[in-house]
């Protein structure tokens, strides 16, 4: 179950068996000299559903079937793109940065989903914590369309005091901008997962709340994460991704999986974060299996109407089916 069954250059799709990886598909397209790119994993803004089963479609996210082949759209090479990095000097600039990016995204001037990365995430991808401790942390003419888009982006973001911009030619070979450029061009790579080595025996829990796209929400989430990580003794390695109508925050909390004290603290912190975020109207779009009951319990609109429907099926004449994010009982 790992074959590429079809690549249709005319209709821009491929047919794959489940074992095919992004690297496999990319290499096959390169071998064919294809005009198409692979949409690398990580494009979460293309997934419109929330946490758990999608009730409108009656468990469209369940596993009621065995997948033997799947079709995917392929993206034609657009003829060029412009990866860039913009930095702002102060934590307080996050508010204005999000406000400006929201307007650029809504107008489709920024056509991809930008990520706002706390500097620790980049540091963790380059070296582990031990390596940083004690050290001081420190293309030709473009087509008119890209020039105009860039002028609009920088024209807005340059108004943030102290903001700077960098292109690939401006940064050293160790910069994550190079791996981001590969991802944007559909070239699979794993560089940005190196943050998992921030600690020896590193494992992680994601805390991933969703909010509206606003400076207040971005600052509120960051302040909450910073406060709780400090309280429980962890480093906050975070990135915020801005879609057209939503902002999702991905806080990658790394801990030593062989250390029982750290395992206990990470569990306590996650429970605390879920509760505190819910008080502010934020819930998660994904979570660790250990916390799925707590998260799904926050989706309690109209006195837990959906849960009451589920429980009305009862245990008799039913089958329990393990879905991605909670058990679903379906009548036989």
C-alpha atoms as a PDB file:
ATOM      1  CA  UNK A   1       0.000   0.000   0.000  1.00  0.00           C
ATOM      2  CA  UNK A   2       2.560   2.581  -1.037  1.00  0.00           C
ATOM      3  CA  UNK A   3       2.111   3.071  -4.777  1.00  0.00           C
ATOM      4  CA  UNK A   4       1.523   6.236  -6.783  1.00  0.00           C
ATOM      5  CA  UNK A   5      -1.282   4.963  -9.009  1.00  0.00           C
ATOM      6  CA  UNK A   6      -1.808   7.964 -11.280  1.00  0.00           C
ATOM      7  CA  UNK A   7      -0.567  11.490 -11.934  1.00  0.00           C
ATOM      8  CA  UNK A   8      -2.926  13.353 -14.254  1.00  0.00           C
ATOM      9  CA  UNK A   9      -1.100  16.366 -15.705  1.00  0.00           C
ATOM     10  CA  UNK A  10      -4.199  17.526 -17.576  1.00  0.00           C
ATOM     11  CA  UNK A  11      -6.708  17.599 -14.724  1.00  0.00           C
ATOM     12  CA  UNK A  12      -4.117  18.358 -12.015  1.00  0.00           C
ATOM     13  CA  UNK A  13      -4.649  15.485  -9.602  1.00  0.00           C
ATOM     14  CA  UNK A  14      -2.961  12.323  -8.408  1.00  0.00           C
ATOM     15  CA  UNK A  15      -4.243   8.990  -7.106  1.00  0.00           C
ATOM     16  CA  UNK A  16      -2.246   7.430  -4.257  1.00  0.00           C
ATOM     17  CA  UNK A  17      -2.270   4.488  -1.910  1.00  0.00           C
ATOM     18  CA  UNK A  18      -2.099   5.374   1.828  1.00  0.00           C
ATOM     19  CA  UNK A  19       1.602   4.526   2.303  1.00  0.00           C
ATOM     20  CA  UNK A  20       2.856   7.194  -0.114  1.00  0.00           C
ATOM     21  CA  UNK A  21       4.800   9.964   1.673  1.00  0.00           C
ATOM     22  CA  UNK A  22       5.218  13.617   0.720  1.00  0.00           C
ATOM     23  CA  UNK A  23       8.811  12.826  -0.196  1.00  0.00           C
ATOM     24  CA  UNK A  24       7.677   9.959  -2.465  1.00  0.00           C
ATOM     25  CA  UNK A  25       5.225  12.168  -4.335  1.00  0.00           C
ATOM     26  CA  UNK A  26       7.680  15.055  -4.621  1.00  0.00           C
ATOM     27  CA  UNK A  27      10.387  12.768  -6.027  1.00  0.00           C
ATOM     28  CA  UNK A  28       7.940  11.240  -8.525  1.00  0.00           C
ATOM     29  CA  UNK A  29       6.898  14.675  -9.790  1.00  0.00           C
ATOM     30  CA  UNK A  30      10.543  15.688 -10.120  1.00  0.00           C
ATOM     31  CA  UNK A  31      11.335  12.499 -12.042  1.00  0.00           C
ATOM     32  CA  UNK A  32       8.497  13.228 -14.470  1.00  0.00           C
ATOM     33  CA  UNK A  33       9.568  16.857 -14.926  1.00  0.00           C
ATOM     34  CA  UNK A  34       6.054  17.751 -13.823  1.00  0.00           C
ATOM     35  CA  UNK A  35       4.681  21.294 -13.829  1.00  0.00           C
ATOM     36  CA  UNK A  36       2.992  20.617 -10.478  1.00  0.00           C
ATOM     37  CA  UNK A  37       4.010  21.203  -6.860  1.00  0.00           C
ATOM     38  CA  UNK A  38       3.099  19.266  -3.724  1.00  0.00           C
ATOM     39  CA  UNK A  39       1.194  21.130  -1.012  1.00  0.00           C
ATOM     40  CA  UNK A  40       3.453  20.223   1.911  1.00  0.00           C
ATOM     41  CA  UNK A  41       1.922  19.163   5.192  1.00  0.00           C
ATOM     42  CA  UNK A  42       1.228  21.897   7.713  1.00  0.00           C
ATOM     43  CA  UNK A  43      -1.404  23.826   5.733  1.00  0.00           C
ATOM     44  CA  UNK A  44      -3.932  23.587   8.539  1.00  0.00           C
ATOM     45  CA  UNK A  45      -5.970  26.571   7.381  1.00  0.00           C
ATOM     46  CA  UNK A  46      -7.370  24.436   4.523  1.00  0.00           C
ATOM     47  CA  UNK A  47      -9.155  22.197   7.063  1.00  0.00           C
ATOM     48  CA  UNK A  48     -12.498  23.847   7.903  1.00  0.00           C
ATOM     49  CA  UNK A  49     -13.696  21.578  10.716  1.00  0.00           C
ATOM     50  CA  UNK A  50     -13.359  21.940  14.474  1.00  0.00           C
ATOM     51  CA  UNK A  51     -12.548  19.532  17.294  1.00  0.00           C
ATOM     52  CA  UNK A  52     -14.003  16.027  17.201  1.00  0.00           C
ATOM     53  CA  UNK A  53     -16.652  14.572  14.869  1.00  0.00           C
ATOM     54  CA  UNK A  54     -18.246  16.953  12.375  1.00  0.00           C
ATOM     55  CA  UNK A  55     -21.875  16.546  13.384  1.00  0.00           C
ATOM     56  CA  UNK A  56     -23.350  18.299  10.347  1.00  0.00           C
ATOM     57  CA  UNK A  57     -21.903  15.511   8.211  1.00  0.00           C
ATOM     58  CA  UNK A  58     -22.576  12.747  10.773  1.00  0.00           C
ATOM     59  CA  UNK A  59     -19.086  11.703  11.739  1.00  0.00           C
ATOM     60  CA  UNK A  60     -17.322  12.718   8.557  1.00  0.00           C
ATOM     61  CA  UNK A  61     -14.119  12.591  10.625  1.00  0.00           C
ATOM     62  CA  UNK A  62     -14.725   9.060  11.903  1.00  0.00           C
ATOM     63  CA  UNK A  63     -12.798   5.982  10.824  1.00  0.00           C
ATOM     64  CA  UNK A  64     -15.798   4.062   9.491  1.00  0.00           C
ATOM     65  CA  UNK A  65     -13.920   2.593   6.564  1.00  0.00           C
ATOM     66  CA  UNK A  66     -10.568   1.332   5.324  1.00  0.00           C
ATOM     67  CA  UNK A  67      -8.853   3.688   2.881  1.00  0.00           C
ATOM     68  CA  UNK A  68      -7.236   1.874  -0.052  1.00  0.00           C
ATOM     69  CA  UNK A  69      -6.679   4.832  -2.373  1.00  0.00           C
ATOM     70  CA  UNK A  70      -7.097   8.593  -2.204  1.00  0.00           C
ATOM     71  CA  UNK A  71      -7.139  11.372  -4.779  1.00  0.00           C
ATOM     72  CA  UNK A  72      -5.462  14.754  -4.245  1.00  0.00           C
ATOM     73  CA  UNK A  73      -5.388  17.987  -6.180  1.00  0.00           C
ATOM     74  CA  UNK A  74      -1.995  19.134  -7.410  1.00  0.00           C
ATOM     75  CA  UNK A  75      -0.891  22.768  -7.514  1.00  0.00           C
ATOM     76  CA  UNK A  76       0.495  24.146 -10.792  1.00  0.00           C
ATOM     77  CA  UNK A  77       3.840  25.907 -10.519  1.00  0.00           C
ATOM     78  CA  UNK A  78       2.808  29.591 -10.204  1.00  0.00           C
ATOM     79  CA  UNK A  79       5.960  30.750 -11.959  1.00  0.00           C
ATOM     80  CA  UNK A  80       7.595  32.256  -8.889  1.00  0.00           C
ATOM     81  CA  UNK A  81       7.167  33.253  -5.267  1.00  0.00           C
ATOM     82  CA  UNK A  82       8.903  35.524  -2.768  1.00  0.00           C
ATOM     83  CA  UNK A  83       9.801  34.158   0.668  1.00  0.00           C
ATOM     84  CA  UNK A  84      10.587  36.835   3.238  1.00  0.00           C
ATOM     85  CA  UNK A  85      11.129  37.352   6.945  1.00  0.00           C
ATOM     86  CA  UNK A  86       9.994  40.415   8.897  1.00  0.00           C
ATOM     87  CA  UNK A  87      11.135  41.030  12.464  1.00  0.00           C
ATOM     88  CA  UNK A  88       9.761  43.369  15.113  1.00  0.00           C
ATOM     89  CA  UNK A  89      11.859  44.226  18.173  1.00  0.00           C
ATOM     90  CA  UNK A  90       9.381  44.160  21.063  1.00  0.00           C
ATOM     91  CA  UNK A  91       6.785  41.781  22.463  1.00  0.00           C
ATOM     92  CA  UNK A  92       4.322  44.680  22.555  1.00  0.00           C
ATOM     93  CA  UNK A  93       4.561  44.985  18.744  1.00  0.00           C
ATOM     94  CA  UNK A  94       2.600  41.734  18.400  1.00  0.00           C
ATOM     95  CA  UNK A  95      -0.701  43.604  18.774  1.00  0.00           C
ATOM     96  CA  UNK A  96      -0.105  45.982  15.870  1.00  0.00           C
ATOM     97  CA  UNK A  97       1.531  43.249  13.783  1.00  0.00           C
ATOM     98  CA  UNK A  98      -1.564  41.036  13.954  1.00  0.00           C
ATOM     99  CA  UNK A  99      -3.877  43.964  13.239  1.00  0.00           C
ATOM    100  CA  UNK A 100      -1.944  44.837  10.081  1.00  0.00           C
ATOM    101  CA  UNK A 101      -1.566  41.250   8.889  1.00  0.00           C
ATOM    102  CA  UNK A 102      -5.314  40.691   9.271  1.00  0.00           C
ATOM    103  CA  UNK A 103      -6.061  43.495   6.822  1.00  0.00           C
ATOM    104  CA  UNK A 104      -3.453  42.218   4.343  1.00  0.00           C
ATOM    105  CA  UNK A 105      -4.811  38.651   4.589  1.00  0.00           C
ATOM    106  CA  UNK A 106      -8.441  39.677   4.194  1.00  0.00           C
ATOM    107  CA  UNK A 107      -7.572  41.545   1.006  1.00  0.00           C
ATOM    108  CA  UNK A 108      -5.513  38.548  -0.225  1.00  0.00           C
ATOM    109  CA  UNK A 109      -2.425  40.739  -0.558  1.00  0.00           C
ATOM    110  CA  UNK A 110      -0.730  38.113   1.603  1.00  0.00           C
ATOM    111  CA  UNK A 111      -1.916  34.960  -0.149  1.00  0.00           C
ATOM    112  CA  UNK A 112      -0.385  32.382   2.188  1.00  0.00           C
ATOM    113  CA  UNK A 113      -0.861  31.959   5.944  1.00  0.00           C
ATOM    114  CA  UNK A 114       1.947  33.842   7.713  1.00  0.00           C
ATOM    115  CA  UNK A 115       3.358  32.518  10.965  1.00  0.00           C
ATOM    116  CA  UNK A 116       4.421  34.772  13.825  1.00  0.00           C
ATOM    117  CA  UNK A 117       7.242  32.957  15.570  1.00  0.00           C
ATOM    118  CA  UNK A 118       8.602  33.606  19.006  1.00  0.00           C
ATOM    119  CA  UNK A 119      12.395  33.653  18.650  1.00  0.00           C
ATOM    120  CA  UNK A 120      12.818  30.546  20.824  1.00  0.00           C
ATOM    121  CA  UNK A 121      11.196  28.398  18.131  1.00  0.00           C
ATOM    122  CA  UNK A 122      13.908  29.332  15.632  1.00  0.00           C
ATOM    123  CA  UNK A 123      16.630  28.859  18.245  1.00  0.00           C
ATOM    124  CA  UNK A 124      15.305  25.394  19.129  1.00  0.00           C
ATOM    125  CA  UNK A 125      15.429  24.309  15.470  1.00  0.00           C
ATOM    126  CA  UNK A 126      19.124  25.193  15.265  1.00  0.00           C
ATOM    127  CA  UNK A 127      20.589  23.860  18.531  1.00  0.00           C
ATOM    128  CA  UNK A 128      19.367  22.397  21.803  1.00  0.00           C
ATOM    129  CA  UNK A 129      19.050  24.324  25.032  1.00  0.00           C
ATOM    130  CA  UNK A 130      22.460  23.235  26.339  1.00  0.00           C
ATOM    131  CA  UNK A 131      24.191  24.715  23.294  1.00  0.00           C
ATOM    132  CA  UNK A 132      22.592  28.132  23.823  1.00  0.00           C
ATOM    133  CA  UNK A 133      23.105  28.421  27.573  1.00  0.00           C
ATOM    134  CA  UNK A 134      25.899  30.832  28.362  1.00  0.00           C
ATOM    135  CA  UNK A 135      26.177  32.055  24.760  1.00  0.00           C
ATOM    136  CA  UNK A 136      25.053  35.435  23.478  1.00  0.00           C
ATOM    137  CA  UNK A 137      22.018  34.707  21.255  1.00  0.00           C
ATOM    138  CA  UNK A 138      22.384  36.571  18.662  1.00  0.00           C
ATOM    139  CA  UNK A 139      17.542  37.135  -6.699  1.00  0.00           C
ATOM    140  CA  UNK A 140      17.367  39.117  -9.855  1.00  0.00           C
ATOM    141  CA  UNK A 141      14.588  41.366 -11.094  1.00  0.00           C
ATOM    142  CA  UNK A 142      11.122  40.275  -9.985  1.00  0.00           C
ATOM    143  CA  UNK A 143       7.944  40.249 -12.066  1.00  0.00           C
ATOM    144  CA  UNK A 144       5.758  43.315 -11.559  1.00  0.00           C
ATOM    145  CA  UNK A 145       3.012  41.438  -9.700  1.00  0.00           C
ATOM    146  CA  UNK A 146       5.355  40.264  -6.938  1.00  0.00           C
ATOM    147  CA  UNK A 147       6.884  43.716  -6.678  1.00  0.00           C
ATOM    148  CA  UNK A 148       3.459  45.285  -6.211  1.00  0.00           C
ATOM    149  CA  UNK A 149       2.371  42.712  -3.623  1.00  0.00           C
ATOM    150  CA  UNK A 150       5.610  43.141  -1.688  1.00  0.00           C
ATOM    151  CA  UNK A 151       5.284  46.935  -1.779  1.00  0.00           C
ATOM    152  CA  UNK A 152       1.808  46.633  -0.246  1.00  0.00           C
ATOM    153  CA  UNK A 153       2.984  44.225   2.477  1.00  0.00           C
ATOM    154  CA  UNK A 154       6.068  46.180   3.481  1.00  0.00           C
ATOM    155  CA  UNK A 155       4.248  49.478   3.100  1.00  0.00           C
ATOM    156  CA  UNK A 156       1.968  48.394   5.933  1.00  0.00           C
ATOM    157  CA  UNK A 157       4.326  46.435   8.201  1.00  0.00           C
ATOM    158  CA  UNK A 158       7.173  48.946   7.927  1.00  0.00           C
ATOM    159  CA  UNK A 159       5.032  51.339   9.971  1.00  0.00           C
ATOM    160  CA  UNK A 160       5.738  49.233  13.064  1.00  0.00           C
ATOM    161  CA  UNK A 161       8.640  50.950  14.785  1.00  0.00           C
ATOM    162  CA  UNK A 162      11.837  48.920  14.509  1.00  0.00           C
ATOM    163  CA  UNK A 163      10.469  46.431  11.937  1.00  0.00           C
ATOM    164  CA  UNK A 164      13.016  44.960   9.523  1.00  0.00           C
ATOM    165  CA  UNK A 165      12.712  42.691   6.495  1.00  0.00           C
ATOM    166  CA  UNK A 166      15.065  40.002   5.194  1.00  0.00           C
ATOM    167  CA  UNK A 167      15.141  37.943   2.007  1.00  0.00           C
ATOM    168  CA  UNK A 168      16.967  34.659   1.427  1.00  0.00           C
ATOM    169  CA  UNK A 169      20.055  36.394   0.105  1.00  0.00           C
ATOM    170  CA  UNK A 170      20.244  38.472   3.305  1.00  0.00           C
ATOM    171  CA  UNK A 171      20.487  35.564   5.759  1.00  0.00           C
ATOM    172  CA  UNK A 172      23.096  32.915   6.521  1.00  0.00           C
ATOM    173  CA  UNK A 173      22.767  29.231   5.609  1.00  0.00           C
ATOM    174  CA  UNK A 174      21.518  28.377   9.108  1.00  0.00           C
ATOM    175  CA  UNK A 175      18.423  30.600   8.835  1.00  0.00           C
ATOM    176  CA  UNK A 176      15.041  28.873   8.907  1.00  0.00           C
ATOM    177  CA  UNK A 177      13.945  31.172   6.091  1.00  0.00           C
ATOM    178  CA  UNK A 178      15.594  28.700   3.687  1.00  0.00           C
ATOM    179  CA  UNK A 179      13.544  25.740   4.936  1.00  0.00           C
ATOM    180  CA  UNK A 180      10.397  27.883   4.845  1.00  0.00           C
ATOM    181  CA  UNK A 181      11.154  28.766   1.226  1.00  0.00           C
ATOM    182  CA  UNK A 182      11.390  25.062   0.391  1.00  0.00           C
ATOM    183  CA  UNK A 183       8.057  24.379   2.061  1.00  0.00           C
ATOM    184  CA  UNK A 184       6.425  27.241   0.160  1.00  0.00           C
ATOM    185  CA  UNK A 185       7.729  25.721  -3.073  1.00  0.00           C
ATOM    186  CA  UNK A 186       6.332  22.267  -2.252  1.00  0.00           C
ATOM    187  CA  UNK A 187       9.712  20.720  -1.386  1.00  0.00           C
ATOM    188  CA  UNK A 188       9.364  18.445   1.684  1.00  0.00           C
ATOM    189  CA  UNK A 189      11.870  18.923   4.501  1.00  0.00           C
ATOM    190  CA  UNK A 190      11.998  18.200   8.232  1.00  0.00           C
ATOM    191  CA  UNK A 191      14.251  21.016   9.474  1.00  0.00           C
ATOM    192  CA  UNK A 192      11.503  22.801  11.363  1.00  0.00           C
ATOM    193  CA  UNK A 193      10.843  19.769  13.542  1.00  0.00           C
ATOM    194  CA  UNK A 194      14.298  20.011  15.105  1.00  0.00           C
ATOM    195  CA  UNK A 195      12.867  22.002  18.020  1.00  0.00           C
ATOM    196  CA  UNK A 196      11.894  18.644  19.559  1.00  0.00           C
ATOM    197  CA  UNK A 197      15.591  18.242  20.463  1.00  0.00           C
ATOM    198  CA  UNK A 198      15.499  21.397  22.623  1.00  0.00           C
ATOM    199  CA  UNK A 199      15.798  19.076  25.642  1.00  0.00           C
ATOM    200  CA  UNK A 200      17.468  15.679  25.956  1.00  0.00           C
ATOM    201  CA  UNK A 201      14.915  12.859  25.573  1.00  0.00           C
ATOM    202  CA  UNK A 202      12.571  15.503  24.223  1.00  0.00           C
ATOM    203  CA  UNK A 203       8.864  14.888  23.864  1.00  0.00           C
ATOM    204  CA  UNK A 204       6.140  17.499  23.534  1.00  0.00           C
ATOM    205  CA  UNK A 205       2.556  18.555  24.124  1.00  0.00           C
ATOM    206  CA  UNK A 206       0.829  21.056  21.861  1.00  0.00           C
ATOM    207  CA  UNK A 207      -1.538  23.645  23.261  1.00  0.00           C
ATOM    208  CA  UNK A 208      -3.428  25.006  20.253  1.00  0.00           C
ATOM    209  CA  UNK A 209      -6.211  27.507  20.982  1.00  0.00           C
ATOM    210  CA  UNK A 210      -8.227  29.243  18.252  1.00  0.00           C
ATOM    211  CA  UNK A 211      -9.345  32.883  18.362  1.00  0.00           C
ATOM    212  CA  UNK A 212     -10.467  35.684  16.106  1.00  0.00           C
ATOM    213  CA  UNK A 213      -7.719  37.586  14.293  1.00  0.00           C
ATOM    214  CA  UNK A 214      -7.068  40.543  16.565  1.00  0.00           C
ATOM    215  CA  UNK A 215      -4.154  42.109  18.362  1.00  0.00           C
ATOM    216  CA  UNK A 216      -5.983  41.756  21.682  1.00  0.00           C
ATOM    217  CA  UNK A 217      -6.475  38.007  21.203  1.00  0.00           C
ATOM    218  CA  UNK A 218      -2.875  37.472  20.067  1.00  0.00           C
ATOM    219  CA  UNK A 219      -1.468  39.348  23.058  1.00  0.00           C
ATOM    220  CA  UNK A 220      -3.919  37.668  25.427  1.00  0.00           C
ATOM    221  CA  UNK A 221      -2.946  34.190  24.283  1.00  0.00           C
ATOM    222  CA  UNK A 222       0.760  34.947  24.387  1.00  0.00           C
ATOM    223  CA  UNK A 223       0.526  36.425  27.900  1.00  0.00           C
ATOM    224  CA  UNK A 224      -1.425  33.385  29.135  1.00  0.00           C
ATOM    225  CA  UNK A 225       1.092  30.942  27.655  1.00  0.00           C
ATOM    226  CA  UNK A 226       4.064  32.883  28.979  1.00  0.00           C
ATOM    227  CA  UNK A 227       2.539  33.047  32.462  1.00  0.00           C
ATOM    228  CA  UNK A 228       1.680  29.342  32.662  1.00  0.00           C
ATOM    229  CA  UNK A 229       4.983  28.120  31.206  1.00  0.00           C
ATOM    230  CA  UNK A 230       6.846  30.226  33.748  1.00  0.00           C
ATOM    231  CA  UNK A 231       4.592  28.962  36.561  1.00  0.00           C
ATOM    232  CA  UNK A 232       5.168  25.293  35.689  1.00  0.00           C
ATOM    233  CA  UNK A 233       8.832  25.617  34.723  1.00  0.00           C
ATOM    234  CA  UNK A 234       8.798  25.135  30.938  1.00  0.00           C
ATOM    235  CA  UNK A 235      10.007  27.147  27.943  1.00  0.00           C
ATOM    236  CA  UNK A 236       7.286  28.643  25.746  1.00  0.00           C
ATOM    237  CA  UNK A 237       8.084  27.700  22.130  1.00  0.00           C
ATOM    238  CA  UNK A 238       5.213  29.225  20.200  1.00  0.00           C
ATOM    239  CA  UNK A 239       4.028  30.253  16.770  1.00  0.00           C
ATOM    240  CA  UNK A 240       0.809  31.977  15.746  1.00  0.00           C
ATOM    241  CA  UNK A 241      -0.693  31.267  12.316  1.00  0.00           C
ATOM    242  CA  UNK A 242      -3.030  33.814  10.753  1.00  0.00           C
ATOM    243  CA  UNK A 243      -5.780  32.651   8.413  1.00  0.00           C
ATOM    244  CA  UNK A 244      -8.421  34.730   6.683  1.00  0.00           C
ATOM    245  CA  UNK A 245     -10.829  34.661   9.631  1.00  0.00           C
ATOM    246  CA  UNK A 246      -9.020  32.892  12.454  1.00  0.00           C
ATOM    247  CA  UNK A 247      -5.787  32.904  14.414  1.00  0.00           C
ATOM    248  CA  UNK A 248      -4.495  29.657  15.830  1.00  0.00           C
ATOM    249  CA  UNK A 249      -1.692  29.546  18.321  1.00  0.00           C
ATOM    250  CA  UNK A 250       0.570  26.502  18.478  1.00  0.00           C
ATOM    251  CA  UNK A 251       2.582  26.327  21.694  1.00  0.00           C
ATOM    252  CA  UNK A 252       5.084  23.456  21.542  1.00  0.00           C
ATOM    253  CA  UNK A 253       5.951  22.604  25.142  1.00  0.00           C
ATOM    254  CA  UNK A 254       9.011  20.332  25.197  1.00  0.00           C
ATOM    255  CA  UNK A 255       9.703  18.127  28.218  1.00  0.00           C
ATOM    256  CA  UNK A 256      12.026  15.261  29.138  1.00  0.00           C
ATOM    257  CA  UNK A 257       9.885  12.158  28.713  1.00  0.00           C
ATOM    258  CA  UNK A 258      12.113  10.165  31.113  1.00  0.00           C
ATOM    259  CA  UNK A 259      11.554  12.689  33.930  1.00  0.00           C
ATOM    260  CA  UNK A 260       8.443  11.857  35.985  1.00  0.00           C
ATOM    261  CA  UNK A 261       8.343  15.295  37.589  1.00  0.00           C
ATOM    262  CA  UNK A 262       8.265  16.963  34.170  1.00  0.00           C
ATOM    263  CA  UNK A 263       5.567  14.559  32.944  1.00  0.00           C
ATOM    264  CA  UNK A 264       3.426  15.388  35.970  1.00  0.00           C
ATOM    265  CA  UNK A 265       3.972  19.124  35.516  1.00  0.00           C
ATOM    266  CA  UNK A 266       3.143  19.089  31.806  1.00  0.00           C
ATOM    267  CA  UNK A 267      -0.113  17.254  32.508  1.00  0.00           C
ATOM    268  CA  UNK A 268      -1.079  19.742  35.218  1.00  0.00           C
ATOM    269  CA  UNK A 269      -0.161  22.715  33.028  1.00  0.00           C
ATOM    270  CA  UNK A 270      -2.179  21.478  30.047  1.00  0.00           C
ATOM    271  CA  UNK A 271      -5.278  21.003  32.195  1.00  0.00           C
ATOM    272  CA  UNK A 272      -4.797  24.460  33.668  1.00  0.00           C
ATOM    273  CA  UNK A 273      -4.329  26.047  30.224  1.00  0.00           C
ATOM    274  CA  UNK A 274      -7.454  24.403  28.790  1.00  0.00           C
ATOM    275  CA  UNK A 275      -9.567  25.709  31.682  1.00  0.00           C
ATOM    276  CA  UNK A 276      -8.093  29.214  31.638  1.00  0.00           C
ATOM    277  CA  UNK A 277      -8.425  29.512  27.854  1.00  0.00           C
ATOM    278  CA  UNK A 278     -12.060  28.395  28.005  1.00  0.00           C
ATOM    279  CA  UNK A 279     -12.819  31.230  30.435  1.00  0.00           C
ATOM    280  CA  UNK A 280     -11.623  33.648  27.746  1.00  0.00           C
ATOM    281  CA  UNK A 281     -13.674  31.988  25.001  1.00  0.00           C
ATOM    282  CA  UNK A 282     -10.828  30.030  23.388  1.00  0.00           C
ATOM    283  CA  UNK A 283     -10.795  26.304  22.787  1.00  0.00           C
ATOM    284  CA  UNK A 284      -8.413  24.006  20.946  1.00  0.00           C
ATOM    285  CA  UNK A 285      -8.631  22.623  17.449  1.00  0.00           C
ATOM    286  CA  UNK A 286      -6.455  19.635  18.453  1.00  0.00           C
ATOM    287  CA  UNK A 287      -5.098  18.165  21.650  1.00  0.00           C
ATOM    288  CA  UNK A 288      -3.247  15.213  23.174  1.00  0.00           C
ATOM    289  CA  UNK A 289      -5.419  12.129  23.671  1.00  0.00           C
ATOM    290  CA  UNK A 290      -5.038  12.507  27.447  1.00  0.00           C
ATOM    291  CA  UNK A 291      -6.955  15.808  27.355  1.00  0.00           C
ATOM    292  CA  UNK A 292      -9.600  15.161  24.687  1.00  0.00           C
ATOM    293  CA  UNK A 293     -12.425  14.693  27.228  1.00  0.00           C
ATOM    294  CA  UNK A 294     -11.581  18.006  28.863  1.00  0.00           C
ATOM    295  CA  UNK A 295     -11.455  19.837  25.512  1.00  0.00           C
ATOM    296  CA  UNK A 296     -14.629  18.317  24.082  1.00  0.00           C
ATOM    297  CA  UNK A 297     -16.348  19.227  27.352  1.00  0.00           C
ATOM    298  CA  UNK A 298     -15.794  22.898  26.501  1.00  0.00           C
ATOM    299  CA  UNK A 299     -17.934  22.554  23.365  1.00  0.00           C
ATOM    300  CA  UNK A 300     -21.071  22.630  25.482  1.00  0.00           C
ATOM    301  CA  UNK A 301     -23.415  24.923  23.556  1.00  0.00           C
ATOM    302  CA  UNK A 302     -27.097  24.843  24.529  1.00  0.00           C
ATOM    303  CA  UNK A 303     -26.643  22.693  27.622  1.00  0.00           C
ATOM    304  CA  UNK A 304     -24.498  20.118  25.816  1.00  0.00           C
ATOM    305  CA  UNK A 305     -27.103  19.516  23.118  1.00  0.00           C
ATOM    306  CA  UNK A 306     -24.819  17.426  20.907  1.00  0.00           C
ATOM    307  CA  UNK A 307     -23.732  15.229  23.810  1.00  0.00           C
ATOM    308  CA  UNK A 308     -27.369  14.677  24.791  1.00  0.00           C
ATOM    309  CA  UNK A 309     -28.148  13.491  21.267  1.00  0.00           C
ATOM    310  CA  UNK A 310     -25.196  11.115  21.410  1.00  0.00           C
ATOM    311  CA  UNK A 311     -26.197   9.722  24.803  1.00  0.00           C
ATOM    312  CA  UNK A 312     -29.784   9.253  23.587  1.00  0.00           C
ATOM    313  CA  UNK A 313     -28.539   6.468  21.313  1.00  0.00           C
ATOM    314  CA  UNK A 314     -27.707   4.525  24.469  1.00  0.00           C
ATOM    315  CA  UNK A 315     -25.475   1.493  24.842  1.00  0.00           C
ATOM    316  CA  UNK A 316     -27.970  -1.091  23.563  1.00  0.00           C
ATOM    317  CA  UNK A 317     -27.826  -2.217  19.952  1.00  0.00           C
ATOM    318  CA  UNK A 318     -24.894   0.034  19.236  1.00  0.00           C
ATOM    319  CA  UNK A 319     -21.282  -0.212  18.266  1.00  0.00           C
ATOM    320  CA  UNK A 320     -18.510   1.857  19.809  1.00  0.00           C
ATOM    321  CA  UNK A 321     -16.213   3.288  17.180  1.00  0.00           C
ATOM    322  CA  UNK A 322     -12.978   5.063  18.148  1.00  0.00           C
ATOM    323  CA  UNK A 323     -12.773   8.324  16.213  1.00  0.00           C
ATOM    324  CA  UNK A 324      -9.848  10.713  16.031  1.00  0.00           C
ATOM    325  CA  UNK A 325     -11.089  12.821  18.942  1.00  0.00           C
ATOM    326  CA  UNK A 326     -13.601  10.980  21.088  1.00  0.00           C
ATOM    327  CA  UNK A 327     -15.747   7.857  21.058  1.00  0.00           C
ATOM    328  CA  UNK A 328     -18.861   7.866  18.913  1.00  0.00           C
ATOM    329  CA  UNK A 329     -21.764   5.460  19.440  1.00  0.00           C
ATOM    330  CA  UNK A 330     -23.654   4.574  16.289  1.00  0.00           C
ATOM    331  CA  UNK A 331     -26.936   2.598  16.207  1.00  0.00           C
ATOM    332  CA  UNK A 332     -26.830  -0.701  14.320  1.00  0.00           C
END
